[in-house]
C-alpha atoms as a PDB file:
ATOM      1  CA  MET A   1      38.580 -26.821  -5.053  1.00  0.00           C
ATOM      2  CA  ALA A   2      41.714 -24.758  -4.465  1.00  0.00           C
ATOM      3  CA  GLY A   3      40.143 -22.619  -1.566  1.00  0.00           C
ATOM      4  CA  CYS A   4      39.921 -25.734   0.008  1.00  0.00           C
ATOM      5  CA  THR A   5      43.488 -26.687   0.423  1.00  0.00           C
ATOM      6  CA  THR A   6      44.961 -23.708   2.342  1.00  0.00           C
ATOM      7  CA  THR A   7      46.775 -23.006   5.616  1.00  0.00           C
ATOM      8  CA  GLY A   8      44.504 -20.306   6.324  1.00  0.00           C
ATOM      9  CA  ALA A   9      42.773 -22.022   9.256  1.00  0.00           C
ATOM     10  CA  MET A  10      46.362 -22.937  11.195  1.00  0.00           C
ATOM     11  CA  TYR A  11      46.462 -19.618  12.945  1.00  0.00           C
ATOM     12  CA  ASP A  12      44.432 -19.493  15.959  1.00  0.00           C
ATOM     13  CA  SER A  13      45.619 -17.666  19.102  1.00  0.00           C
ATOM     14  CA  ALA A  14      43.436 -20.173  20.893  1.00  0.00           C
ATOM     15  CA  SER A  15      46.423 -22.380  20.403  1.00  0.00           C
ATOM     16  CA  ALA A  16      48.340 -21.035  23.275  1.00  0.00           C
ATOM     17  CA  VAL A  17      45.367 -20.403  25.501  1.00  0.00           C
ATOM     18  CA  SER A  18      44.544 -24.123  25.185  1.00  0.00           C
ATOM     19  CA  THR A  19      47.472 -25.221  26.200  1.00  0.00           C
ATOM     20  CA  GLY A  20      48.382 -22.768  28.791  1.00  0.00           C
ATOM     21  CA  ILE A  21      51.475 -21.040  27.209  1.00  0.00           C
ATOM     22  CA  ASP A  22      52.381 -17.211  27.371  1.00  0.00           C
ATOM     23  CA  THR A  23      52.414 -15.700  23.500  1.00  0.00           C
ATOM     24  CA  GLU A  24      54.613 -13.282  25.144  1.00  0.00           C
ATOM     25  CA  SER A  25      57.157 -15.637  26.106  1.00  0.00           C
ATOM     26  CA  GLU A  26      60.455 -16.297  24.373  1.00  0.00           C
ATOM     27  CA  VAL A  27      59.640 -20.164  23.374  1.00  0.00           C
ATOM     28  CA  TYR A  28      56.050 -18.967  21.786  1.00  0.00           C
ATOM     29  CA  ARG A  29      57.752 -16.298  19.557  1.00  0.00           C
ATOM     30  CA  LEU A  30      60.662 -18.539  18.636  1.00  0.00           C
ATOM     31  CA  ALA A  31      58.183 -21.480  17.899  1.00  0.00           C
ATOM     32  CA  ASN A  32      55.895 -18.845  15.988  1.00  0.00           C
ATOM     33  CA  THR A  33      58.414 -17.509  13.978  1.00  0.00           C
ATOM     34  CA  ARG A  34      59.392 -20.897  12.364  1.00  0.00           C
ATOM     35  CA  LEU A  35      55.789 -21.551  11.880  1.00  0.00           C
ATOM     36  CA  GLN A  36      54.910 -18.579   9.948  1.00  0.00           C
ATOM     37  CA  LEU A  37      57.931 -19.370   7.722  1.00  0.00           C
ATOM     38  CA  GLY A  38      57.007 -22.794   7.181  1.00  0.00           C
ATOM     39  CA  ALA A  39      53.676 -21.782   6.143  1.00  0.00           C
ATOM     40  CA  MET A  40      55.208 -19.271   3.420  1.00  0.00           C
ATOM     41  CA  HIS A  41      57.096 -21.971   2.178  1.00  0.00           C
ATOM     42  CA  PHE A  42      54.173 -24.323   2.068  1.00  0.00           C
ATOM     43  CA  GLN A  43      52.140 -21.677   0.397  1.00  0.00           C
ATOM     44  CA  GLU A  44      54.906 -21.323  -2.447  1.00  0.00           C
ATOM     45  CA  GLY A  45      55.238 -24.982  -3.132  1.00  0.00           C
ATOM     46  CA  ARG A  46      58.350 -25.457  -0.880  1.00  0.00           C
ATOM     47  CA  ASN A  47      56.942 -28.484   0.908  1.00  0.00           C
ATOM     48  CA  GLU A  48      60.541 -30.179   2.035  1.00  0.00           C
ATOM     49  CA  ILE A  49      61.495 -26.631   3.874  1.00  0.00           C
ATOM     50  CA  ALA A  50      58.254 -26.286   5.044  1.00  0.00           C
ATOM     51  CA  LEU A  51      58.350 -29.326   6.684  1.00  0.00           C
ATOM     52  CA  ASN A  52      61.892 -28.344   8.306  1.00  0.00           C
ATOM     53  CA  GLU A  53      60.302 -25.234   9.545  1.00  0.00           C
ATOM     54  CA  VAL A  54      57.195 -26.798  11.214  1.00  0.00           C
ATOM     55  CA  MET A  55      59.632 -29.499  12.664  1.00  0.00           C
ATOM     56  CA  ARG A  56      61.688 -26.785  14.578  1.00  0.00           C
ATOM     57  CA  ALA A  57      58.819 -25.079  15.884  1.00  0.00           C
ATOM     58  CA  LEU A  58      57.949 -28.330  17.288  1.00  0.00           C
ATOM     59  CA  GLN A  59      61.123 -28.966  18.668  1.00  0.00           C
ATOM     60  CA  VAL A  60      60.852 -25.107  20.583  1.00  0.00           C
ATOM     61  CA  TYR A  61      57.382 -26.349  21.402  1.00  0.00           C
ATOM     62  CA  PRO A  62      55.852 -29.817  20.924  1.00  0.00           C
ATOM     63  CA  GLU A  63      52.585 -28.703  22.110  1.00  0.00           C
ATOM     64  CA  TYR A  64      52.133 -26.191  19.290  1.00  0.00           C
ATOM     65  CA  VAL A  65      48.595 -27.222  17.600  1.00  0.00           C
ATOM     66  CA  ASP A  66      48.864 -24.899  14.785  1.00  0.00           C
ATOM     67  CA  ALA A  67      52.290 -26.518  13.833  1.00  0.00           C
ATOM     68  CA  HIS A  68      50.847 -30.020  14.256  1.00  0.00           C
ATOM     69  CA  ASN A  69      48.065 -28.911  11.480  1.00  0.00           C
ATOM     70  CA  LEU A  70      50.164 -27.448   9.296  1.00  0.00           C
ATOM     71  CA  GLN A  71      52.190 -30.403   9.374  1.00  0.00           C
ATOM     72  CA  GLY A  72      49.386 -32.312   8.323  1.00  0.00           C
ATOM     73  CA  TRP A  73      48.341 -30.079   5.623  1.00  0.00           C
ATOM     74  CA  ILE A  74      52.212 -30.851   4.366  1.00  0.00           C
ATOM     75  CA  TYR A  75      51.891 -34.266   4.676  1.00  0.00           C
ATOM     76  CA  MET A  76      48.939 -34.245   2.658  1.00  0.00           C
ATOM     77  CA  ALA A  77      50.238 -32.224   0.006  1.00  0.00           C
ATOM     78  CA  GLU A  78      52.766 -34.873  -0.341  1.00  0.00           C
ATOM     79  CA  ARG A  79      49.910 -37.829  -0.402  1.00  0.00           C
ATOM     80  CA  ASP A  80      51.691 -39.213   2.644  1.00  0.00           C
ATOM     81  CA  TYR A  81      47.953 -39.433   4.289  1.00  0.00           C
ATOM     82  CA  LEU A  82      49.466 -41.524   7.199  1.00  0.00           C
ATOM     83  CA  LYS A  83      51.434 -39.170   8.587  1.00  0.00           C
ATOM     84  CA  ALA A  84      48.857 -36.477   7.557  1.00  0.00           C
ATOM     85  CA  ASP A  85      46.098 -38.108   9.891  1.00  0.00           C
ATOM     86  CA  ALA A  86      48.814 -38.688  12.630  1.00  0.00           C
ATOM     87  CA  SER A  87      49.586 -34.968  12.653  1.00  0.00           C
ATOM     88  CA  PHE A  88      45.622 -34.202  12.938  1.00  0.00           C
ATOM     89  CA  ASP A  89      44.857 -36.768  15.535  1.00  0.00           C
ATOM     90  CA  ARG A  90      47.658 -35.083  17.640  1.00  0.00           C
ATOM     91  CA  ALA A  91      46.603 -31.561  17.330  1.00  0.00           C
ATOM     92  CA  LEU A  92      43.243 -32.749  18.068  1.00  0.00           C
ATOM     93  CA  ARG A  93      44.403 -34.327  21.332  1.00  0.00           C
ATOM     94  CA  LEU A  94      45.985 -31.260  22.238  1.00  0.00           C
ATOM     95  CA  ARG A  95      42.860 -29.067  22.087  1.00  0.00           C
ATOM     96  CA  PRO A  96      39.682 -31.557  21.640  1.00  0.00           C
ATOM     97  CA  GLY A  97      37.234 -30.555  19.796  1.00  0.00           C
ATOM     98  CA  ASP A  98      38.874 -28.163  17.815  1.00  0.00           C
ATOM     99  CA  PRO A  99      36.437 -27.483  14.615  1.00  0.00           C
ATOM    100  CA  ASN A 100      39.721 -26.128  12.637  1.00  0.00           C
ATOM    101  CA  THR A 101      41.367 -29.836  12.975  1.00  0.00           C
ATOM    102  CA  ARG A 102      38.019 -31.726  12.196  1.00  0.00           C
ATOM    103  CA  TYR A 103      37.897 -29.673   9.275  1.00  0.00           C
ATOM    104  CA  ASN A 104      41.560 -31.009   8.708  1.00  0.00           C
ATOM    105  CA  GLN A 105      40.627 -34.560   9.072  1.00  0.00           C
ATOM    106  CA  GLY A 106      37.755 -34.134   6.930  1.00  0.00           C
ATOM    107  CA  TRP A 107      39.540 -33.272   3.854  1.00  0.00           C
ATOM    108  CA  SER A 108      42.298 -35.546   4.660  1.00  0.00           C
ATOM    109  CA  GLN A 109      39.605 -38.503   4.393  1.00  0.00           C
ATOM    110  CA  CYS A 110      38.009 -37.041   1.343  1.00  0.00           C
ATOM    111  CA  GLN A 111      41.189 -37.088  -0.475  1.00  0.00           C
ATOM    112  CA  GLN A 112      41.517 -40.664   0.803  1.00  0.00           C
ATOM    113  CA  LYS A 113      37.904 -41.138  -0.691  1.00  0.00           C
ATOM    114  CA  ASN A 114      36.822 -42.078   2.976  1.00  0.00           C
ATOM    115  CA  PHE A 115      33.629 -40.227   2.153  1.00  0.00           C
ATOM    116  CA  ASP A 116      31.508 -41.384   4.987  1.00  0.00           C
ATOM    117  CA  MET A 117      34.291 -40.198   7.558  1.00  0.00           C
ATOM    118  CA  ALA A 118      35.249 -37.311   5.981  1.00  0.00           C
ATOM    119  CA  GLN A 119      31.443 -36.121   6.194  1.00  0.00           C
ATOM    120  CA  LEU A 120      31.727 -37.134  10.162  1.00  0.00           C
ATOM    121  CA  HIS A 121      34.543 -34.679  10.263  1.00  0.00           C
ATOM    122  CA  PHE A 122      32.906 -32.015   8.693  1.00  0.00           C
ATOM    123  CA  ASP A 123      29.673 -32.234  10.550  1.00  0.00           C
ATOM    124  CA  ALA A 124      31.316 -32.247  13.906  1.00  0.00           C
ATOM    125  CA  ALA A 125      33.604 -29.014  12.799  1.00  0.00           C
ATOM    126  CA  LEU A 126      30.171 -27.617  11.664  1.00  0.00           C
ATOM    127  CA  ALA A 127      28.378 -28.065  14.842  1.00  0.00           C
ATOM    128  CA  ALA A 128      31.129 -26.349  17.186  1.00  0.00           C
ATOM    129  CA  SER A 129      29.669 -23.045  18.513  1.00  0.00           C
ATOM    130  CA  ARG A 130      33.474 -21.657  18.158  1.00  0.00           C
ATOM    131  CA  PHE A 131      33.660 -21.802  14.299  1.00  0.00           C
ATOM    132  CA  ALA A 132      34.204 -18.256  12.815  1.00  0.00           C
ATOM    133  CA  SER A 133      31.942 -17.698   9.797  1.00  0.00           C
ATOM    134  CA  GLU A 134      34.959 -17.792   6.963  1.00  0.00           C
ATOM    135  CA  ASP A 135      35.878 -21.219   8.627  1.00  0.00           C
ATOM    136  CA  ARG A 136      32.022 -22.367   8.719  1.00  0.00           C
ATOM    137  CA  ALA A 137      31.496 -21.245   5.019  1.00  0.00           C
ATOM    138  CA  ARG A 138      34.939 -23.040   4.149  1.00  0.00           C
ATOM    139  CA  THR A 139      34.043 -26.160   5.841  1.00  0.00           C
ATOM    140  CA  LEU A 140      30.405 -26.481   4.006  1.00  0.00           C
ATOM    141  CA  LEU A 141      32.213 -25.724   0.545  1.00  0.00           C
ATOM    142  CA  ALA A 142      34.412 -28.851   1.481  1.00  0.00           C
ATOM    143  CA  LYS A 143      31.279 -30.816   2.519  1.00  0.00           C
ATOM    144  CA  VAL A 144      29.697 -30.097  -1.027  1.00  0.00           C
ATOM    145  CA  VAL A 145      33.090 -30.745  -2.831  1.00  0.00           C
ATOM    146  CA  CYS A 146      33.282 -34.099  -1.051  1.00  0.00           C
ATOM    147  CA  LEU A 147      29.768 -34.944  -1.559  1.00  0.00           C
ATOM    148  CA  ARG A 148      29.959 -34.349  -5.489  1.00  0.00           C
ATOM    149  CA  GLN A 149      32.877 -36.611  -5.602  1.00  0.00           C
ATOM    150  CA  ALA A 150      31.256 -39.070  -3.703  1.00  0.00           C
ATOM    151  CA  GLY A 151      28.578 -38.949  -6.507  1.00  0.00           C
ATOM    152  CA  SER A 152      25.722 -38.156  -3.723  1.00  0.00           C
ATOM    153  CA  LYS A 153      22.535 -37.186  -4.925  1.00  0.00           C
ATOM    154  CA  GLU A 154      21.945 -35.155  -1.981  1.00  0.00           C
ATOM    155  CA  ASP A 155      20.190 -31.689  -3.057  1.00  0.00           C
ATOM    156  CA  LEU A 156      23.478 -29.574  -2.363  1.00  0.00           C
ATOM    157  CA  LEU A 157      21.897 -26.164  -3.123  1.00  0.00           C
ATOM    158  CA  PRO A 158      20.964 -25.186   0.444  1.00  0.00           C
ATOM    159  CA  LEU A 159      24.770 -26.214   1.760  1.00  0.00           C
ATOM    160  CA  MET A 160      26.116 -23.586  -0.838  1.00  0.00           C
ATOM    161  CA  ALA A 161      23.862 -21.164  -0.392  1.00  0.00           C
ATOM    162  CA  GLN A 162      24.684 -20.898   3.652  1.00  0.00           C
ATOM    163  CA  ALA A 163      28.261 -21.054   2.456  1.00  0.00           C
ATOM    164  CA  TYR A 164      27.856 -18.077  -0.107  1.00  0.00           C
ATOM    165  CA  GLU A 165      25.666 -16.278   2.772  1.00  0.00           C
ATOM    166  CA  LEU A 166      28.725 -16.593   5.042  1.00  0.00           C
ATOM    167  CA  ASN A 167      31.339 -15.401   2.889  1.00  0.00           C
ATOM    168  CA  PRO A 168      30.019 -13.970  -0.698  1.00  0.00           C
ATOM    169  CA  GLY A 169      33.689 -12.614  -0.862  1.00  0.00           C
ATOM    170  CA  ASN A 170      35.505 -16.145  -1.510  1.00  0.00           C
ATOM    171  CA  PRO A 171      36.035 -16.942  -5.300  1.00  0.00           C
ATOM    172  CA  SER A 172      35.789 -20.690  -4.255  1.00  0.00           C
ATOM    173  CA  ILE A 173      32.508 -20.717  -2.568  1.00  0.00           C
ATOM    174  CA  ALA A 174      31.339 -18.414  -5.513  1.00  0.00           C
ATOM    175  CA  LEU A 175      32.441 -20.488  -8.212  1.00  0.00           C
ATOM    176  CA  ASN A 176      30.824 -23.673  -6.673  1.00  0.00           C
ATOM    177  CA  TYR A 177      27.741 -22.145  -5.596  1.00  0.00           C
ATOM    178  CA  ALA A 178      27.553 -20.977  -9.683  1.00  0.00           C
ATOM    179  CA  GLN A 179      28.502 -24.751 -10.748  1.00  0.00           C
ATOM    180  CA  VAL A 180      25.654 -26.006  -8.606  1.00  0.00           C
ATOM    181  CA  LEU A 181      22.981 -23.853  -9.531  1.00  0.00           C
ATOM    182  CA  PHE A 182      24.409 -24.730 -13.570  1.00  0.00           C
ATOM    183  CA  ASP A 183      24.223 -28.397 -12.280  1.00  0.00           C
ATOM    184  CA  GLN A 184      20.165 -27.909 -11.466  1.00  0.00           C
ATOM    185  CA  ASP A 185      19.532 -26.638 -14.538  1.00  0.00           C
ATOM    186  CA  ASN A 186      19.341 -22.977 -13.092  1.00  0.00           C
ATOM    187  CA  ALA A 187      21.554 -21.206 -15.908  1.00  0.00           C
ATOM    188  CA  GLN A 188      19.931 -18.091 -15.523  1.00  0.00           C
ATOM    189  CA  LYS A 189      20.594 -17.587 -11.358  1.00  0.00           C
ATOM    190  CA  ALA A 190      24.424 -19.112 -12.250  1.00  0.00           C
ATOM    191  CA  ARG A 191      24.791 -16.628 -14.678  1.00  0.00           C
ATOM    192  CA  PHE A 192      24.354 -13.933 -11.978  1.00  0.00           C
ATOM    193  CA  TYR A 193      26.834 -15.548  -9.787  1.00  0.00           C
ATOM    194  CA  VAL A 194      29.590 -16.568 -12.212  1.00  0.00           C
ATOM    195  CA  GLN A 195      29.436 -12.982 -14.339  1.00  0.00           C
ATOM    196  CA  ARG A 196      30.116 -11.155 -10.516  1.00  0.00           C
ATOM    197  CA  LEU A 197      32.922 -13.524 -10.150  1.00  0.00           C
ATOM    198  CA  ASN A 198      34.212 -12.946 -13.679  1.00  0.00           C
ATOM    199  CA  ASN A 199      34.506  -9.355 -13.394  1.00  0.00           C
ATOM    200  CA  SER A 200      35.937  -9.191  -9.898  1.00  0.00           C
ATOM    201  CA  GLU A 201      39.761 -10.298  -8.836  1.00  0.00           C
ATOM    202  CA  GLY A 202      38.625 -13.477  -8.164  1.00  0.00           C
ATOM    203  CA  VAL A 203      38.217 -14.310 -12.045  1.00  0.00           C
ATOM    204  CA  SER A 204      39.712 -17.734 -12.882  1.00  0.00           C
ATOM    205  CA  ALA A 205      40.136 -20.127 -15.702  1.00  0.00           C
ATOM    206  CA  ALA A 206      37.640 -22.136 -14.197  1.00  0.00           C
ATOM    207  CA  SER A 207      35.288 -19.330 -14.039  1.00  0.00           C
ATOM    208  CA  LEU A 208      35.337 -18.023 -17.457  1.00  0.00           C
ATOM    209  CA  TRP A 209      34.875 -21.525 -18.673  1.00  0.00           C
ATOM    210  CA  LEU A 210      31.968 -22.267 -16.610  1.00  0.00           C
ATOM    211  CA  GLY A 211      30.785 -18.586 -17.695  1.00  0.00           C
ATOM    212  CA  ILE A 212      31.255 -19.909 -21.210  1.00  0.00           C
ATOM    213  CA  LYS A 213      28.830 -22.945 -20.552  1.00  0.00           C
ATOM    214  CA  VAL A 214      26.259 -20.935 -19.097  1.00  0.00           C
ATOM    215  CA  GLU A 215      26.163 -18.385 -21.552  1.00  0.00           C
ATOM    216  CA  ARG A 216      26.213 -21.257 -24.296  1.00  0.00           C
ATOM    217  CA  LYS A 217      23.194 -22.775 -22.581  1.00  0.00           C
ATOM    218  CA  LEU A 218      21.500 -19.764 -22.691  1.00  0.00           C
ATOM    219  CA  GLY A 219      22.147 -19.016 -26.442  1.00  0.00           C
ATOM    220  CA  ASP A 220      24.252 -15.840 -26.177  1.00  0.00           C
ATOM    221  CA  SER A 221      27.027 -16.357 -28.381  1.00  0.00           C
ATOM    222  CA  VAL A 222      28.398 -12.788 -28.422  1.00  0.00           C
ATOM    223  CA  ALA A 223      28.874 -13.614 -24.787  1.00  0.00           C
ATOM    224  CA  VAL A 224      30.637 -17.025 -25.384  1.00  0.00           C
ATOM    225  CA  ARG A 225      32.937 -15.200 -27.795  1.00  0.00           C
ATOM    226  CA  GLN A 226      33.757 -12.438 -25.240  1.00  0.00           C
ATOM    227  CA  LEU A 227      34.441 -14.852 -22.375  1.00  0.00           C
ATOM    228  CA  ALA A 228      36.390 -17.021 -24.557  1.00  0.00           C
ATOM    229  CA  GLY A 229      38.507 -14.660 -25.935  1.00  0.00           C
ATOM    230  CA  GLN A 230      39.422 -13.548 -22.052  1.00  0.00           C
ATOM    231  CA  LEU A 231      40.059 -17.660 -21.349  1.00  0.00           C
ATOM    232  CA  VAL A 232      42.851 -17.388 -24.204  1.00  0.00           C
ATOM    233  CA  GLN A 233      44.464 -14.056 -23.606  1.00  0.00           C
ATOM    234  CA  ARG A 234      44.515 -14.326 -19.689  1.00  0.00           C
ATOM    235  CA  PHE A 235      44.667 -17.730 -19.219  1.00  0.00           C
ATOM    236  CA  PRO A 236      46.670 -19.561 -22.320  1.00  0.00           C
ATOM    237  CA  THR A 237      48.303 -22.636 -20.916  1.00  0.00           C
ATOM    238  CA  SER A 238      45.158 -23.466 -18.701  1.00  0.00           C
ATOM    239  CA  PRO A 239      42.932 -26.609 -18.993  1.00  0.00           C
ATOM    240  CA  GLU A 240      40.237 -24.915 -19.437  1.00  0.00           C
ATOM    241  CA  ARG A 241      41.558 -23.280 -22.817  1.00  0.00           C
ATOM    242  CA  GLU A 242      42.347 -26.900 -24.156  1.00  0.00           C
ATOM    243  CA  LYS A 243      39.133 -27.785 -23.400  1.00  0.00           C
ATOM    244  CA  PHE A 244      37.208 -24.758 -25.313  1.00  0.00           C
ATOM    245  CA  GLU A 245      39.493 -25.513 -28.185  1.00  0.00           C
ATOM    246  CA  GLN A 246      38.190 -29.270 -28.097  1.00  0.00           C
ATOM    247  CA  GLY A 247      34.822 -28.328 -27.752  1.00  0.00           C
ATOM    248  CA  THR A 248      34.192 -30.132 -24.807  1.00  0.00           C
ATOM    249  CA  PHE A 249      31.395 -28.388 -22.995  1.00  0.00           C
ATOM    250  CA  ASP A 250      29.358 -31.436 -21.084  1.00  0.00           C
ATOM    251  CA  GLU A 251      32.336 -33.002 -19.501  1.00  0.00           C
END
């Protein structure tokens, strides 16, 4: 579910419009520069430095919605959910109804296992009209992952099919779509999507592991060996390689 925990939704030109700031102003330029630096450090795992940059952005421009959202993601990465939720709440007060912020709130609640509250936030985001297709697809993915964590018996396939239709190039969406198909005993169709993923730049240890399980279920031992070879060669330290060597196919 790595695709869900990114800062991709943080940058939205509507933030400047909704708070009345001129995007050409020196204040905005200074704050945005700090925010971009903060996002870069966050994506590279330097959370403390990232947080300092975001705080500098907010010193310059306290009503910067995107900065409050990124601040929330950093706190969430540190498992400080109280501060994360406070940051997202401030962002939503500054930009009421913002679907990206509602997504952020939903993912935070999902991490805290407040599954019902998470779904309320995800549904509010999906109900918003001003929501880009890729952001809508990512929210559908988060909704499915959260439902699975909650042990929901809901049919998740229509949600994943919709997410895939909106953004077929997203590796996390493709992987989870194939996984849901596999979970519903549709290994043949799961094979189509996971093979496409494993033959792309989006290949990962998780996608190769799912491919192995799919081919094993379909009885293709040659494909299993080929995929296992790729897993060992390309991702030698991955948990998926350990699972393969231990033969824990049914986890």
